C-alpha atoms as a PDB file:
ATOM      1  CA  UNK A   1     -40.435  45.192-138.104  1.00  0.00           C
ATOM      2  CA  UNK A   2     -36.868  44.356-139.231  1.00  0.00           C
ATOM      3  CA  UNK A   3     -34.519  42.490-136.924  1.00  0.00           C
ATOM      4  CA  UNK A   4     -32.159  44.929-135.264  1.00  0.00           C
ATOM      5  CA  UNK A   5     -28.731  43.916-134.044  1.00  0.00           C
ATOM      6  CA  UNK A   6     -26.207  45.772-131.895  1.00  0.00           C
ATOM      7  CA  UNK A   7     -25.946  49.532-132.327  1.00  0.00           C
ATOM      8  CA  UNK A   8     -29.299  49.598-134.126  1.00  0.00           C
ATOM      9  CA  UNK A   9     -27.967  48.083-137.360  1.00  0.00           C
ATOM     10  CA  UNK A  10     -30.273  45.757-139.186  1.00  0.00           C
ATOM     11  CA  UNK A  11     -29.284  42.098-138.966  1.00  0.00           C
ATOM     12  CA  UNK A  12     -30.823  41.728-142.398  1.00  0.00           C
ATOM     13  CA  UNK A  13     -28.043  43.897-143.825  1.00  0.00           C
ATOM     14  CA  UNK A  14     -25.617  41.006-143.243  1.00  0.00           C
ATOM     15  CA  UNK A  15     -27.685  38.517-145.222  1.00  0.00           C
ATOM     16  CA  UNK A  16     -26.524  37.308-148.621  1.00  0.00           C
ATOM     17  CA  UNK A  17     -28.117  39.015-151.620  1.00  0.00           C
ATOM     18  CA  UNK A  18     -31.639  37.776-152.234  1.00  0.00           C
ATOM     19  CA  UNK A  19     -32.358  36.768-148.613  1.00  0.00           C
ATOM     20  CA  UNK A  20     -33.307  40.256-147.428  1.00  0.00           C
ATOM     21  CA  UNK A  21     -36.628  40.016-149.263  1.00  0.00           C
ATOM     22  CA  UNK A  22     -37.514  36.859-147.329  1.00  0.00           C
ATOM     23  CA  UNK A  23     -38.164  38.860-144.154  1.00  0.00           C
ATOM     24  CA  UNK A  24     -36.586  38.595-140.724  1.00  0.00           C
ATOM     25  CA  UNK A  25     -34.337  35.625-140.092  1.00  0.00           C
ATOM     26  CA  UNK A  26     -36.051  34.908-136.773  1.00  0.00           C
ATOM     27  CA  UNK A  27     -39.032  36.058-134.796  1.00  0.00           C
ATOM     28  CA  UNK A  28     -37.132  35.125-131.619  1.00  0.00           C
ATOM     29  CA  UNK A  29     -35.430  38.433-130.827  1.00  0.00           C
ATOM     30  CA  UNK A  30     -34.288  39.919-127.510  1.00  0.00           C
ATOM     31  CA  UNK A  31     -36.539  42.364-125.682  1.00  0.00           C
ATOM     32  CA  UNK A  32     -34.244  44.843-123.989  1.00  0.00           C
ATOM     33  CA  UNK A  33     -33.599  45.470-121.092  1.00  0.00           C
ATOM     34  CA  UNK A  34     -35.275  42.283-119.792  1.00  0.00           C
ATOM     35  CA  UNK A  35     -33.474  40.100-122.372  1.00  0.00           C
ATOM     36  CA  UNK A  36     -36.479  37.844-122.793  1.00  0.00           C
ATOM     37  CA  UNK A  37     -37.431  36.404-126.165  1.00  0.00           C
ATOM     38  CA  UNK A  38     -40.122  38.431-127.952  1.00  0.00           C
ATOM     39  CA  UNK A  39     -41.704  35.268-129.382  1.00  0.00           C
ATOM     40  CA  UNK A  40     -41.689  32.749-126.530  1.00  0.00           C
ATOM     41  CA  UNK A  41     -40.852  34.761-123.390  1.00  0.00           C
ATOM     42  CA  UNK A  42     -37.882  32.586-122.410  1.00  0.00           C
ATOM     43  CA  UNK A  43     -34.457  34.051-121.619  1.00  0.00           C
ATOM     44  CA  UNK A  44     -32.862  35.084-124.915  1.00  0.00           C
ATOM     45  CA  UNK A  45     -31.238  33.454-126.810  1.00  0.00           C
ATOM     46  CA  UNK A  46     -33.853  30.727-126.458  1.00  0.00           C
ATOM     47  CA  UNK A  47     -33.443  27.371-128.175  1.00  0.00           C
ATOM     48  CA  UNK A  48     -35.116  28.532-131.379  1.00  0.00           C
ATOM     49  CA  UNK A  49     -33.042  31.732-131.465  1.00  0.00           C
ATOM     50  CA  UNK A  50     -29.862  29.668-131.069  1.00  0.00           C
ATOM     51  CA  UNK A  51     -30.788  27.470-134.015  1.00  0.00           C
ATOM     52  CA  UNK A  52     -31.712  30.528-136.104  1.00  0.00           C
ATOM     53  CA  UNK A  53     -28.497  32.364-135.188  1.00  0.00           C
ATOM     54  CA  UNK A  54     -26.343  29.306-135.887  1.00  0.00           C
ATOM     55  CA  UNK A  55     -28.015  28.985-139.295  1.00  0.00           C
ATOM     56  CA  UNK A  56     -27.706  32.692-140.086  1.00  0.00           C
ATOM     57  CA  UNK A  57     -24.030  32.846-139.113  1.00  0.00           C
ATOM     58  CA  UNK A  58     -23.041  29.376-140.364  1.00  0.00           C
ATOM     59  CA  UNK A  59     -20.467  30.809-142.782  1.00  0.00           C
ATOM     60  CA  UNK A  60     -19.076  33.360-140.307  1.00  0.00           C
ATOM     61  CA  UNK A  61     -18.941  31.782-136.819  1.00  0.00           C
ATOM     62  CA  UNK A  62     -16.555  34.457-135.552  1.00  0.00           C
ATOM     63  CA  UNK A  63     -19.148  37.125-136.365  1.00  0.00           C
ATOM     64  CA  UNK A  64     -21.699  35.130-134.354  1.00  0.00           C
ATOM     65  CA  UNK A  65     -19.334  35.073-131.378  1.00  0.00           C
ATOM     66  CA  UNK A  66     -18.697  38.823-131.658  1.00  0.00           C
ATOM     67  CA  UNK A  67     -22.428  39.589-131.949  1.00  0.00           C
ATOM     68  CA  UNK A  68     -23.322  37.406-128.956  1.00  0.00           C
ATOM     69  CA  UNK A  69     -20.414  38.793-126.924  1.00  0.00           C
ATOM     70  CA  UNK A  70     -21.747  42.314-127.469  1.00  0.00           C
ATOM     71  CA  UNK A  71     -25.222  41.104-126.418  1.00  0.00           C
ATOM     72  CA  UNK A  72     -23.682  39.435-123.357  1.00  0.00           C
ATOM     73  CA  UNK A  73     -21.993  42.682-122.307  1.00  0.00           C
ATOM     74  CA  UNK A  74     -25.170  44.700-122.831  1.00  0.00           C
ATOM     75  CA  UNK A  75     -27.224  42.174-120.844  1.00  0.00           C
ATOM     76  CA  UNK A  76     -24.602  42.130-118.080  1.00  0.00           C
ATOM     77  CA  UNK A  77     -24.904  45.920-117.828  1.00  0.00           C
ATOM     78  CA  UNK A  78     -28.721  45.723-117.760  1.00  0.00           C
ATOM     79  CA  UNK A  79     -29.055  42.859-115.283  1.00  0.00           C
ATOM     80  CA  UNK A  80     -26.595  43.404-112.477  1.00  0.00           C
ATOM     81  CA  UNK A  81     -28.160  40.727-110.242  1.00  0.00           C
ATOM     82  CA  UNK A  82     -27.430  37.813-112.589  1.00  0.00           C
ATOM     83  CA  UNK A  83     -24.027  36.110-112.128  1.00  0.00           C
ATOM     84  CA  UNK A  84     -21.723  36.741-115.076  1.00  0.00           C
ATOM     85  CA  UNK A  85     -20.933  33.015-115.370  1.00  0.00           C
ATOM     86  CA  UNK A  86     -24.613  32.236-115.931  1.00  0.00           C
ATOM     87  CA  UNK A  87     -24.854  34.954-118.574  1.00  0.00           C
ATOM     88  CA  UNK A  88     -21.682  33.702-120.242  1.00  0.00           C
ATOM     89  CA  UNK A  89     -23.141  30.193-120.545  1.00  0.00           C
ATOM     90  CA  UNK A  90     -26.427  31.606-121.795  1.00  0.00           C
ATOM     91  CA  UNK A  91     -24.920  33.807-124.495  1.00  0.00           C
ATOM     92  CA  UNK A  92     -21.615  32.183-125.425  1.00  0.00           C
ATOM     93  CA  UNK A  93     -21.456  28.739-123.825  1.00  0.00           C
ATOM     94  CA  UNK A  94     -23.511  27.041-126.535  1.00  0.00           C
ATOM     95  CA  UNK A  95     -21.426  28.202-129.504  1.00  0.00           C
ATOM     96  CA  UNK A  96     -19.499  25.274-131.002  1.00  0.00           C
ATOM     97  CA  UNK A  97     -15.782  25.966-130.966  1.00  0.00           C
ATOM     98  CA  UNK A  98     -13.750  24.382-133.740  1.00  0.00           C
ATOM     99  CA  UNK A  99     -10.098  23.745-133.079  1.00  0.00           C
ATOM    100  CA  UNK A 100      -7.908  25.037-135.903  1.00  0.00           C
ATOM    101  CA  UNK A 101      -5.956  22.455-137.811  1.00  0.00           C
ATOM    102  CA  UNK A 102      -2.369  22.467-136.677  1.00  0.00           C
ATOM    103  CA  UNK A 103       0.379  22.838-139.213  1.00  0.00           C
ATOM    104  CA  UNK A 104       2.721  19.850-139.359  1.00  0.00           C
ATOM    105  CA  UNK A 105       5.856  20.225-137.273  1.00  0.00           C
ATOM    106  CA  UNK A 106       8.823  18.627-139.093  1.00  0.00           C
ATOM    107  CA  UNK A 107      10.955  18.534-135.942  1.00  0.00           C
ATOM    108  CA  UNK A 108       8.241  16.786-133.950  1.00  0.00           C
ATOM    109  CA  UNK A 109       7.604  14.335-136.780  1.00  0.00           C
ATOM    110  CA  UNK A 110      11.331  13.546-136.986  1.00  0.00           C
ATOM    111  CA  UNK A 111      11.478  12.987-133.211  1.00  0.00           C
ATOM    112  CA  UNK A 112       8.484  10.654-133.340  1.00  0.00           C
ATOM    113  CA  UNK A 113      10.101   8.640-136.148  1.00  0.00           C
ATOM    114  CA  UNK A 114      13.354   8.431-134.166  1.00  0.00           C
ATOM    115  CA  UNK A 115      11.466   7.546-130.990  1.00  0.00           C
ATOM    116  CA  UNK A 116       9.623   4.721-132.763  1.00  0.00           C
ATOM    117  CA  UNK A 117      12.887   3.363-134.191  1.00  0.00           C
ATOM    118  CA  UNK A 118      14.816   3.197-130.888  1.00  0.00           C
ATOM    119  CA  UNK A 119      15.790  -0.333-129.834  1.00  0.00           C
ATOM    120  CA  UNK A 120      13.978  -1.425-126.612  1.00  0.00           C
ATOM    121  CA  UNK A 121      17.309  -2.127-124.863  1.00  0.00           C
ATOM    122  CA  UNK A 122      18.612   1.287-125.826  1.00  0.00           C
ATOM    123  CA  UNK A 123      15.310   2.775-124.611  1.00  0.00           C
ATOM    124  CA  UNK A 124      15.800   1.177-121.178  1.00  0.00           C
ATOM    125  CA  UNK A 125      19.360   2.544-120.988  1.00  0.00           C
ATOM    126  CA  UNK A 126      18.190   6.035-121.966  1.00  0.00           C
ATOM    127  CA  UNK A 127      15.370   5.920-119.398  1.00  0.00           C
ATOM    128  CA  UNK A 128      17.810   4.793-116.670  1.00  0.00           C
ATOM    129  CA  UNK A 129      20.179   7.626-117.579  1.00  0.00           C
ATOM    130  CA  UNK A 130      17.333  10.143-117.474  1.00  0.00           C
ATOM    131  CA  UNK A 131      16.197   8.862-114.061  1.00  0.00           C
ATOM    132  CA  UNK A 132      19.753   8.993-112.733  1.00  0.00           C
ATOM    133  CA  UNK A 133      20.074  12.596-113.901  1.00  0.00           C
ATOM    134  CA  UNK A 134      16.753  13.428-112.226  1.00  0.00           C
ATOM    135  CA  UNK A 135      18.038  11.913-108.967  1.00  0.00           C
ATOM    136  CA  UNK A 136      21.231  13.964-109.059  1.00  0.00           C
ATOM    137  CA  UNK A 137      19.225  17.148-109.458  1.00  0.00           C
ATOM    138  CA  UNK A 138      16.943  16.084-106.616  1.00  0.00           C
ATOM    139  CA  UNK A 139      19.999  15.748-104.333  1.00  0.00           C
ATOM    140  CA  UNK A 140      21.176  19.242-105.281  1.00  0.00           C
ATOM    141  CA  UNK A 141      17.790  20.625-104.311  1.00  0.00           C
ATOM    142  CA  UNK A 142      18.165  19.116-100.810  1.00  0.00           C
ATOM    143  CA  UNK A 143      21.578  20.744-100.185  1.00  0.00           C
ATOM    144  CA  UNK A 144      21.521  23.802 -97.931  1.00  0.00           C
ATOM    145  CA  UNK A 145      22.175  27.062 -99.705  1.00  0.00           C
ATOM    146  CA  UNK A 146      25.033  29.136 -98.306  1.00  0.00           C
ATOM    147  CA  UNK A 147      25.041  32.827 -99.104  1.00  0.00           C
ATOM    148  CA  UNK A 148      28.413  34.460 -98.777  1.00  0.00           C
ATOM    149  CA  UNK A 149      28.872  38.129 -98.100  1.00  0.00           C
ATOM    150  CA  UNK A 150      31.106  40.161-100.370  1.00  0.00           C
ATOM    151  CA  UNK A 151      33.743  40.288 -97.572  1.00  0.00           C
ATOM    152  CA  UNK A 152      33.831  36.481 -97.363  1.00  0.00           C
ATOM    153  CA  UNK A 153      34.265  36.236-101.128  1.00  0.00           C
ATOM    154  CA  UNK A 154      37.080  38.816-101.106  1.00  0.00           C
ATOM    155  CA  UNK A 155      38.899  36.965 -98.283  1.00  0.00           C
ATOM    156  CA  UNK A 156      38.500  33.612-100.029  1.00  0.00           C
ATOM    157  CA  UNK A 157      39.797  35.035-103.321  1.00  0.00           C
ATOM    158  CA  UNK A 158      42.783  36.613-101.510  1.00  0.00           C
ATOM    159  CA  UNK A 159      43.725  33.225-100.053  1.00  0.00           C
ATOM    160  CA  UNK A 160      44.006  31.718-103.522  1.00  0.00           C
END
């Protein structure tokens, strides 16, 4: 029996040419609506299914996340008594997330070079100035706020 993914499509259809003849990628498949593994009876995806899925989708990790997210939603609909957080960990929590490489930021690099080159005495003066400015803003925050009515403003402006 071929492995069937979401919407009844064969998971074998996504395999590279030449691998479809090798048979199913895994015997550890979900049994719906219980979402137990057909091979070992553990909650799917079991440990073996996770290894098999990670191997199958090694070149397309986003497709693995999409496939498992669709399984998560289907399982959530089938098993209303299971907390969604537990299902999320079971289906998606084990997927390794790679952080994308960040493009270099010339402005940040220039600031870091400037920051490294600042004289320690100048640094102390800049820090003192920054702290003084912070204190002046703190005093403004403690001042009571007076809201004038439009009549008060008109009278004040007439006096000028």
